[in-house]
Amino acid sequence: NGYGRKNTPKTQTPAIKEGEKADNTPKSDIK
């Protein structure tokens, strides 16, 4: 419940945005 086909939240909250930012950051950019 609350998740779509690609396991992506349907709504945007600060915590979700932060999590998605981290999820979308390439490993090569780890700092």
Full PDB file with SEQRES, HELIX, SHEET, SSBOND, CRYST1, ORIGX, SCALE, CONECT and MASTER records, all heavy atoms in Angstrom:
SEQRES   1 A   31  ASN GLY TYR GLY ARG LYS ASN THR PRO LYS THR GLN THR          
SEQRES   2 A   31  PRO ALA ILE LYS GLU GLY GLU LYS ALA ASP ASN THR PRO          
SEQRES   3 A   31  LYS SER ASP ILE LYS                                          
HELIX    1 AA1 PRO A   14  ASN A   24  1                                  11    
HELIX    2 AA2 LYS A   27  ASP A   29  5                                   3    
CRYST1    1.000    1.000    1.000  90.00  90.00  90.00 P 1           1          
ORIGX1      1.000000  0.000000  0.000000        0.00000                         
ORIGX2      0.000000  1.000000  0.000000        0.00000                         
ORIGX3      0.000000  0.000000  1.000000        0.00000                         
SCALE1      1.000000  0.000000  0.000000        0.00000                         
SCALE2      0.000000  1.000000  0.000000        0.00000                         
SCALE3      0.000000  0.000000  1.000000        0.00000                         
ATOM      1  N   ASN A   1       0.820  -1.203   0.000  1.00  0.00           N  
ATOM      2  CA  ASN A   1       0.000   0.000   0.000  1.00  0.00           C  
ATOM      3  C   ASN A   1       0.861   1.264   0.000  1.00  0.00           C  
ATOM      4  O   ASN A   1       1.784   1.406   0.797  1.00  0.00           O  
ATOM      5  CB  ASN A   1      -0.937   0.023   1.209  1.00  0.00           C  
ATOM      6  CG  ASN A   1      -2.063  -0.975   1.087  1.00  0.00           C  
ATOM      7  OD1 ASN A   1      -2.043  -1.863   0.234  1.00  0.00           O  
ATOM      8  ND2 ASN A   1      -3.068  -0.856   1.944  1.00  0.00           N  
ATOM      9  N   GLY A   2       0.537   2.166  -0.932  1.00  0.00           N  
ATOM     10  CA  GLY A   2       1.267   3.424  -1.032  1.00  0.00           C  
ATOM     11  C   GLY A   2       2.396   3.397  -2.034  1.00  0.00           C  
ATOM     12  O   GLY A   2       3.073   4.411  -2.221  1.00  0.00           O  
ATOM     13  N   TYR A   3       2.603   2.258  -2.692  1.00  0.00           N  
ATOM     14  CA  TYR A   3       3.724   2.103  -3.606  1.00  0.00           C  
ATOM     15  C   TYR A   3       3.238   1.637  -4.976  1.00  0.00           C  
ATOM     16  O   TYR A   3       2.289   0.857  -5.087  1.00  0.00           O  
ATOM     17  CB  TYR A   3       4.773   1.143  -3.029  1.00  0.00           C  
ATOM     18  CG  TYR A   3       5.414   1.744  -1.801  1.00  0.00           C  
ATOM     19  CD1 TYR A   3       4.808   1.620  -0.557  1.00  0.00           C  
ATOM     20  CD2 TYR A   3       6.565   2.497  -1.898  1.00  0.00           C  
ATOM     21  CE1 TYR A   3       5.343   2.229   0.570  1.00  0.00           C  
ATOM     22  CE2 TYR A   3       7.116   3.104  -0.783  1.00  0.00           C  
ATOM     23  CZ  TYR A   3       6.502   2.965   0.441  1.00  0.00           C  
ATOM     24  OH  TYR A   3       7.042   3.576   1.562  1.00  0.00           O  
ATOM     25  N   GLY A   4       3.902   2.118  -6.009  1.00  0.00           N  
ATOM     26  CA  GLY A   4       3.513   1.815  -7.368  1.00  0.00           C  
ATOM     27  C   GLY A   4       4.265   0.660  -7.966  1.00  0.00           C  
ATOM     28  O   GLY A   4       4.945  -0.099  -7.274  1.00  0.00           O  
ATOM     29  N   ARG A   5       4.146   0.549  -9.281  1.00  0.00           N  
ATOM     30  CA  ARG A   5       4.730  -0.581  -9.985  1.00  0.00           C  
ATOM     31  C   ARG A   5       6.229  -0.678  -9.810  1.00  0.00           C  
ATOM     32  O   ARG A   5       6.789  -1.763  -9.727  1.00  0.00           O  
ATOM     33  CB  ARG A   5       4.403  -0.499 -11.483  1.00  0.00           C  
ATOM     34  CG  ARG A   5       2.950  -0.726 -11.823  1.00  0.00           C  
ATOM     35  CD  ARG A   5       2.765  -0.755 -13.324  1.00  0.00           C  
ATOM     36  NE  ARG A   5       1.393  -1.045 -13.695  1.00  0.00           N  
ATOM     37  CZ  ARG A   5       0.981  -1.188 -14.937  1.00  0.00           C  
ATOM     38  NH1 ARG A   5       1.846  -1.067 -15.924  1.00  0.00           N  
ATOM     39  NH2 ARG A   5      -0.279  -1.455 -15.197  1.00  0.00           N  
ATOM     40  N   LYS A   6       6.905   0.470  -9.768  1.00  0.00           N  
ATOM     41  CA  LYS A   6       8.353   0.475  -9.661  1.00  0.00           C  
ATOM     42  C   LYS A   6       8.811   0.718  -8.231  1.00  0.00           C  
ATOM     43  O   LYS A   6       9.923   1.147  -7.988  1.00  0.00           O  
ATOM     44  CB  LYS A   6       8.940   1.521 -10.598  1.00  0.00           C  
ATOM     45  CG  LYS A   6       8.678   1.241 -12.070  1.00  0.00           C  
ATOM     46  CD  LYS A   6       9.324   2.297 -12.947  1.00  0.00           C  
ATOM     47  CE  LYS A   6       9.096   1.993 -14.417  1.00  0.00           C  
ATOM     48  NZ  LYS A   6       9.727   3.012 -15.303  1.00  0.00           N  
ATOM     49  N   ASN A   7       7.939   0.411  -7.284  1.00  0.00           N  
ATOM     50  CA  ASN A   7       8.284   0.562  -5.871  1.00  0.00           C  
ATOM     51  C   ASN A   7       8.596   2.010  -5.520  1.00  0.00           C  
ATOM     52  O   ASN A   7       9.408   2.299  -4.645  1.00  0.00           O  
ATOM     53  CB  ASN A   7       9.468  -0.330  -5.496  1.00  0.00           C  
ATOM     54  CG  ASN A   7       9.479  -0.704  -4.029  1.00  0.00           C  
ATOM     55  OD1 ASN A   7       8.430  -0.890  -3.438  1.00  0.00           O  
ATOM     56  ND2 ASN A   7      10.649  -0.828  -3.461  1.00  0.00           N  
ATOM     57  N   THR A   8       7.950   2.959  -6.250  1.00  0.00           N  
ATOM     58  CA  THR A   8       8.185   4.381  -6.064  1.00  0.00           C  
ATOM     59  C   THR A   8       7.021   5.000  -5.300  1.00  0.00           C  
ATOM     60  O   THR A   8       5.868   4.819  -5.674  1.00  0.00           O  
ATOM     61  CB  THR A   8       8.343   5.090  -7.415  1.00  0.00           C  
ATOM     62  OG1 THR A   8       9.425   4.503  -8.128  1.00  0.00           O  
ATOM     63  CG2 THR A   8       8.608   6.565  -7.233  1.00  0.00           C  
ATOM     64  N   PRO A   9       7.280   5.730  -4.233  1.00  0.00           N  
ATOM     65  CA  PRO A   9       6.185   6.378  -3.510  1.00  0.00           C  
ATOM     66  C   PRO A   9       5.353   7.287  -4.406  1.00  0.00           C  
ATOM     67  O   PRO A   9       5.878   7.960  -5.286  1.00  0.00           O  
ATOM     68  CB  PRO A   9       6.924   7.192  -2.443  1.00  0.00           C  
ATOM     69  CG  PRO A   9       8.242   6.505  -2.281  1.00  0.00           C  
ATOM     70  CD  PRO A   9       8.591   5.974  -3.635  1.00  0.00           C  
ATOM     71  N   LYS A  10       4.047   7.299  -4.169  1.00  0.00           N  
ATOM     72  CA  LYS A  10       3.137   8.096  -4.963  1.00  0.00           C  
ATOM     73  C   LYS A  10       3.125   9.559  -4.544  1.00  0.00           C  
ATOM     74  O   LYS A  10       2.655  10.408  -5.290  1.00  0.00           O  
ATOM     75  CB  LYS A  10       1.719   7.521  -4.864  1.00  0.00           C  
ATOM     76  CG  LYS A  10       1.553   6.129  -5.450  1.00  0.00           C  
ATOM     77  CD  LYS A  10       0.133   5.629  -5.253  1.00  0.00           C  
ATOM     78  CE  LYS A  10      -0.044   4.234  -5.846  1.00  0.00           C  
ATOM     79  NZ  LYS A  10      -1.414   3.700  -5.613  1.00  0.00           N  
ATOM     80  N   THR A  11       3.600   9.860  -3.357  1.00  0.00           N  
ATOM     81  CA  THR A  11       3.611  11.227  -2.884  1.00  0.00           C  
ATOM     82  C   THR A  11       5.037  11.642  -2.538  1.00  0.00           C  
ATOM     83  O   THR A  11       5.906  10.815  -2.332  1.00  0.00           O  
ATOM     84  CB  THR A  11       2.722  11.390  -1.639  1.00  0.00           C  
ATOM     85  OG1 THR A  11       3.139  10.444  -0.642  1.00  0.00           O  
ATOM     86  CG2 THR A  11       1.269  11.149  -1.965  1.00  0.00           C  
ATOM     87  N   GLN A  12       5.241  12.935  -2.483  1.00  0.00           N  
ATOM     88  CA  GLN A  12       6.550  13.473  -2.197  1.00  0.00           C  
ATOM     89  C   GLN A  12       6.568  14.107  -0.808  1.00  0.00           C  
ATOM     90  O   GLN A  12       5.783  14.999  -0.516  1.00  0.00           O  
ATOM     91  CB  GLN A  12       6.948  14.520  -3.240  1.00  0.00           C  
ATOM     92  CG  GLN A  12       7.094  13.958  -4.645  1.00  0.00           C  
ATOM     93  CD  GLN A  12       8.257  13.001  -4.751  1.00  0.00           C  
ATOM     94  OE1 GLN A  12       9.338  13.280  -4.247  1.00  0.00           O  
ATOM     95  NE2 GLN A  12       8.044  11.870  -5.401  1.00  0.00           N  
ATOM     96  N   THR A  13       7.442  13.648   0.037  1.00  0.00           N  
ATOM     97  CA  THR A  13       7.658  14.235   1.355  1.00  0.00           C  
ATOM     98  C   THR A  13       9.145  14.491   1.494  1.00  0.00           C  
ATOM     99  O   THR A  13       9.952  13.931   0.752  1.00  0.00           O  
ATOM    100  CB  THR A  13       7.183  13.308   2.489  1.00  0.00           C  
ATOM    101  OG1 THR A  13       8.049  12.154   2.553  1.00  0.00           O  
ATOM    102  CG2 THR A  13       5.752  12.833   2.263  1.00  0.00           C  
ATOM    103  N   PRO A  14       9.553  15.361   2.431  1.00  0.00           N  
ATOM    104  CA  PRO A  14      10.991  15.618   2.590  1.00  0.00           C  
ATOM    105  C   PRO A  14      11.826  14.371   2.779  1.00  0.00           C  
ATOM    106  O   PRO A  14      12.906  14.247   2.195  1.00  0.00           O  
ATOM    107  CB  PRO A  14      11.027  16.530   3.817  1.00  0.00           C  
ATOM    108  CG  PRO A  14       9.708  17.246   3.786  1.00  0.00           C  
ATOM    109  CD  PRO A  14       8.727  16.240   3.263  1.00  0.00           C  
ATOM    110  N   ALA A  15      11.337  13.426   3.604  1.00  0.00           N  
ATOM    111  CA  ALA A  15      12.102  12.208   3.838  1.00  0.00           C  
ATOM    112  C   ALA A  15      12.218  11.380   2.570  1.00  0.00           C  
ATOM    113  O   ALA A  15      13.268  10.812   2.265  1.00  0.00           O  
ATOM    114  CB  ALA A  15      11.468  11.390   4.960  1.00  0.00           C  
ATOM    115  N   ILE A  16      11.128  11.276   1.823  1.00  0.00           N  
ATOM    116  CA  ILE A  16      11.160  10.506   0.587  1.00  0.00           C  
ATOM    117  C   ILE A  16      12.074  11.166  -0.437  1.00  0.00           C  
ATOM    118  O   ILE A  16      12.843  10.500  -1.131  1.00  0.00           O  
ATOM    119  CB  ILE A  16       9.742  10.319   0.036  1.00  0.00           C  
ATOM    120  CG1 ILE A  16       8.983   9.306   0.910  1.00  0.00           C  
ATOM    121  CG2 ILE A  16       9.765   9.852  -1.404  1.00  0.00           C  
ATOM    122  CD1 ILE A  16       7.540   9.145   0.546  1.00  0.00           C  
ATOM    123  N   LYS A  17      12.005  12.495  -0.543  1.00  0.00           N  
ATOM    124  CA  LYS A  17      12.879  13.198  -1.474  1.00  0.00           C  
ATOM    125  C   LYS A  17      14.349  12.946  -1.153  1.00  0.00           C  
ATOM    126  O   LYS A  17      15.169  12.736  -2.045  1.00  0.00           O  
ATOM    127  CB  LYS A  17      12.574  14.696  -1.443  1.00  0.00           C  
ATOM    128  CG  LYS A  17      11.248  15.081  -2.086  1.00  0.00           C  
ATOM    129  CD  LYS A  17      11.015  16.585  -1.991  1.00  0.00           C  
ATOM    130  CE  LYS A  17       9.699  16.967  -2.645  1.00  0.00           C  
ATOM    131  NZ  LYS A  17       9.427  18.424  -2.526  1.00  0.00           N  
ATOM    132  N   GLU A  18      14.693  12.990   0.142  1.00  0.00           N  
ATOM    133  CA  GLU A  18      16.068  12.742   0.552  1.00  0.00           C  
ATOM    134  C   GLU A  18      16.478  11.309   0.218  1.00  0.00           C  
ATOM    135  O   GLU A  18      17.588  11.064  -0.260  1.00  0.00           O  
ATOM    136  CB  GLU A  18      16.230  13.007   2.048  1.00  0.00           C  
ATOM    137  CG  GLU A  18      17.643  12.760   2.576  1.00  0.00           C  
ATOM    138  CD  GLU A  18      18.684  13.647   1.944  1.00  0.00           C  
ATOM    139  OE1 GLU A  18      18.354  14.787   1.545  1.00  0.00           O  
ATOM    140  OE2 GLU A  18      19.854  13.212   1.832  1.00  0.00           O  
ATOM    141  N   GLY A  19      15.570  10.364   0.468  1.00  0.00           N  
ATOM    142  CA  GLY A  19      15.863   8.977   0.159  1.00  0.00           C  
ATOM    143  C   GLY A  19      16.047   8.743  -1.325  1.00  0.00           C  
ATOM    144  O   GLY A  19      16.945   8.005  -1.748  1.00  0.00           O  
ATOM    145  N   GLU A  20      15.178   9.370  -2.147  1.00  0.00           N  
ATOM    146  CA  GLU A  20      15.295   9.214  -3.586  1.00  0.00           C  
ATOM    147  C   GLU A  20      16.570   9.865  -4.112  1.00  0.00           C  
ATOM    148  O   GLU A  20      17.202   9.365  -5.046  1.00  0.00           O  
ATOM    149  CB  GLU A  20      14.065   9.798  -4.267  1.00  0.00           C  
ATOM    150  CG  GLU A  20      12.801   8.972  -4.041  1.00  0.00           C  
ATOM    151  CD  GLU A  20      11.592   9.553  -4.716  1.00  0.00           C  
ATOM    152  OE1 GLU A  20      11.573  10.787  -4.913  1.00  0.00           O  
ATOM    153  OE2 GLU A  20      10.671   8.793  -5.050  1.00  0.00           O  
ATOM    154  N   LYS A  21      16.966  11.011  -3.524  1.00  0.00           N  
ATOM    155  CA  LYS A  21      18.208  11.661  -3.910  1.00  0.00           C  
ATOM    156  C   LYS A  21      19.386  10.717  -3.697  1.00  0.00           C  
ATOM    157  O   LYS A  21      20.253  10.561  -4.566  1.00  0.00           O  
ATOM    158  CB  LYS A  21      18.405  12.947  -3.108  1.00  0.00           C  
ATOM    159  CG  LYS A  21      19.738  13.654  -3.359  1.00  0.00           C  
ATOM    160  CD  LYS A  21      19.900  14.838  -2.415  1.00  0.00           C  
ATOM    161  CE  LYS A  21      21.275  15.483  -2.569  1.00  0.00           C  
ATOM    162  NZ  LYS A  21      21.468  16.578  -1.572  1.00  0.00           N  
ATOM    163  N   ALA A  22      19.418  10.086  -2.527  1.00  0.00           N  
ATOM    164  CA  ALA A  22      20.496   9.142  -2.230  1.00  0.00           C  
ATOM    165  C   ALA A  22      20.436   7.943  -3.167  1.00  0.00           C  
ATOM    166  O   ALA A  22      21.458   7.462  -3.661  1.00  0.00           O  
ATOM    167  CB  ALA A  22      20.407   8.690  -0.777  1.00  0.00           C  
ATOM    168  N   ASP A  23      19.218   7.450  -3.429  1.00  0.00           N  
ATOM    169  CA  ASP A  23      19.042   6.284  -4.283  1.00  0.00           C  
ATOM    170  C   ASP A  23      19.500   6.561  -5.709  1.00  0.00           C  
ATOM    171  O   ASP A  23      19.999   5.673  -6.403  1.00  0.00           O  
ATOM    172  CB  ASP A  23      17.572   5.856  -4.267  1.00  0.00           C  
ATOM    173  CG  ASP A  23      17.349   4.476  -4.868  1.00  0.00           C  
ATOM    174  OD1 ASP A  23      18.213   3.597  -4.697  1.00  0.00           O  
ATOM    175  OD2 ASP A  23      16.293   4.263  -5.493  1.00  0.00           O  
ATOM    176  N   ASN A  24      19.334   7.814  -6.170  1.00  0.00           N  
ATOM    177  CA  ASN A  24      19.683   8.184  -7.538  1.00  0.00           C  
ATOM    178  C   ASN A  24      21.122   8.679  -7.695  1.00  0.00           C  
ATOM    179  O   ASN A  24      21.549   8.989  -8.801  1.00  0.00           O  
ATOM    180  CB  ASN A  24      18.722   9.259  -8.040  1.00  0.00           C  
ATOM    181  CG  ASN A  24      17.296   8.741  -8.195  1.00  0.00           C  
ATOM    182  OD1 ASN A  24      17.086   7.575  -8.501  1.00  0.00           O  
ATOM    183  ND2 ASN A  24      16.310   9.610  -7.957  1.00  0.00           N  
ATOM    184  N   THR A  25      21.858   8.766  -6.592  1.00  0.00           N  
ATOM    185  CA  THR A  25      23.253   9.218  -6.662  1.00  0.00           C  
ATOM    186  C   THR A  25      24.154   8.055  -7.079  1.00  0.00           C  
ATOM    187  O   THR A  25      24.161   7.009  -6.436  1.00  0.00           O  
ATOM    188  CB  THR A  25      23.722   9.762  -5.298  1.00  0.00           C  
ATOM    189  OG1 THR A  25      22.897  10.873  -4.911  1.00  0.00           O  
ATOM    190  CG2 THR A  25      25.167  10.222  -5.368  1.00  0.00           C  
ATOM    191  N   PRO A  26      24.909   8.192  -8.159  1.00  0.00           N  
ATOM    192  CA  PRO A  26      25.802   7.102  -8.573  1.00  0.00           C  
ATOM    193  C   PRO A  26      26.857   6.800  -7.514  1.00  0.00           C  
ATOM    194  O   PRO A  26      27.331   7.708  -6.816  1.00  0.00           O  
ATOM    195  CB  PRO A  26      26.456   7.662  -9.848  1.00  0.00           C  
ATOM    196  CG  PRO A  26      25.596   8.798 -10.285  1.00  0.00           C  
ATOM    197  CD  PRO A  26      24.983   9.363  -9.055  1.00  0.00           C  
ATOM    198  N   LYS A  27      27.230   5.543  -7.408  1.00  0.00           N  
ATOM    199  CA  LYS A  27      28.243   5.160  -6.429  1.00  0.00           C  
ATOM    200  C   LYS A  27      29.573   5.861  -6.680  1.00  0.00           C  
ATOM    201  O   LYS A  27      30.345   6.083  -5.758  1.00  0.00           O  
ATOM    202  CB  LYS A  27      28.418   3.644  -6.423  1.00  0.00           C  
ATOM    203  CG  LYS A  27      27.202   2.885  -5.898  1.00  0.00           C  
ATOM    204  CD  LYS A  27      27.465   1.402  -5.840  1.00  0.00           C  
ATOM    205  CE  LYS A  27      26.244   0.658  -5.292  1.00  0.00           C  
ATOM    206  NZ  LYS A  27      26.485  -0.802  -5.182  1.00  0.00           N  
ATOM    207  N   SER A  28      29.814   6.218  -7.935  1.00  0.00           N  
ATOM    208  CA  SER A  28      31.058   6.909  -8.256  1.00  0.00           C  
ATOM    209  C   SER A  28      31.136   8.284  -7.605  1.00  0.00           C  
ATOM    210  O   SER A  28      32.220   8.850  -7.471  1.00  0.00           O  
ATOM    211  CB  SER A  28      31.211   7.055  -9.778  1.00  0.00           C  
ATOM    212  OG  SER A  28      30.098   7.754 -10.339  1.00  0.00           O  
ATOM    213  N   ASP A  29      29.966   8.827  -7.175  1.00  0.00           N  
ATOM    214  CA  ASP A  29      29.919  10.158  -6.579  1.00  0.00           C  
ATOM    215  C   ASP A  29      29.959  10.130  -5.059  1.00  0.00           C  
ATOM    216  O   ASP A  29      29.757  11.168  -4.413  1.00  0.00           O  
ATOM    217  CB  ASP A  29      28.659  10.905  -7.044  1.00  0.00           C  
ATOM    218  CG  ASP A  29      28.691  11.256  -8.522  1.00  0.00           C  
ATOM    219  OD1 ASP A  29      29.789  11.203  -9.122  1.00  0.00           O  
ATOM    220  OD2 ASP A  29      27.623  11.577  -9.084  1.00  0.00           O  
ATOM    221  N   ILE A  30      30.172   8.977  -4.452  1.00  0.00           N  
ATOM    222  CA  ILE A  30      30.270   8.906  -2.994  1.00  0.00           C  
ATOM    223  C   ILE A  30      31.373   9.835  -2.518  1.00  0.00           C  
ATOM    224  O   ILE A  30      32.477   9.846  -3.066  1.00  0.00           O  
ATOM    225  CB  ILE A  30      30.557   7.467  -2.521  1.00  0.00           C  
ATOM    226  CG1 ILE A  30      29.388   6.542  -2.864  1.00  0.00           C  
ATOM    227  CG2 ILE A  30      30.816   7.443  -1.012  1.00  0.00           C  
ATOM    228  CD1 ILE A  30      29.654   5.080  -2.513  1.00  0.00           C  
ATOM    229  N   LYS A  31      31.076  10.629  -1.484  1.00  0.00           N  
ATOM    230  CA  LYS A  31      32.053  11.578  -0.974  1.00  0.00           C  
ATOM    231  C   LYS A  31      32.133  11.494   0.548  1.00  0.00           C  
ATOM    232  O   LYS A  31      31.295  10.863   1.200  1.00  0.00           O  
ATOM    233  CB  LYS A  31      31.680  13.007  -1.398  1.00  0.00           C  
ATOM    234  CG  LYS A  31      30.358  13.508  -0.858  1.00  0.00           C  
ATOM    235  CD  LYS A  31      30.051  14.887  -1.375  1.00  0.00           C  
ATOM    236  CE  LYS A  31      28.730  15.425  -0.831  1.00  0.00           C  
ATOM    237  NZ  LYS A  31      27.560  14.584  -1.224  1.00  0.00           N  
TER     238      LYS A  31                                                      
MASTER        0    0    0    2    0    0    0    6  237    1    0    3          
END                                                                             
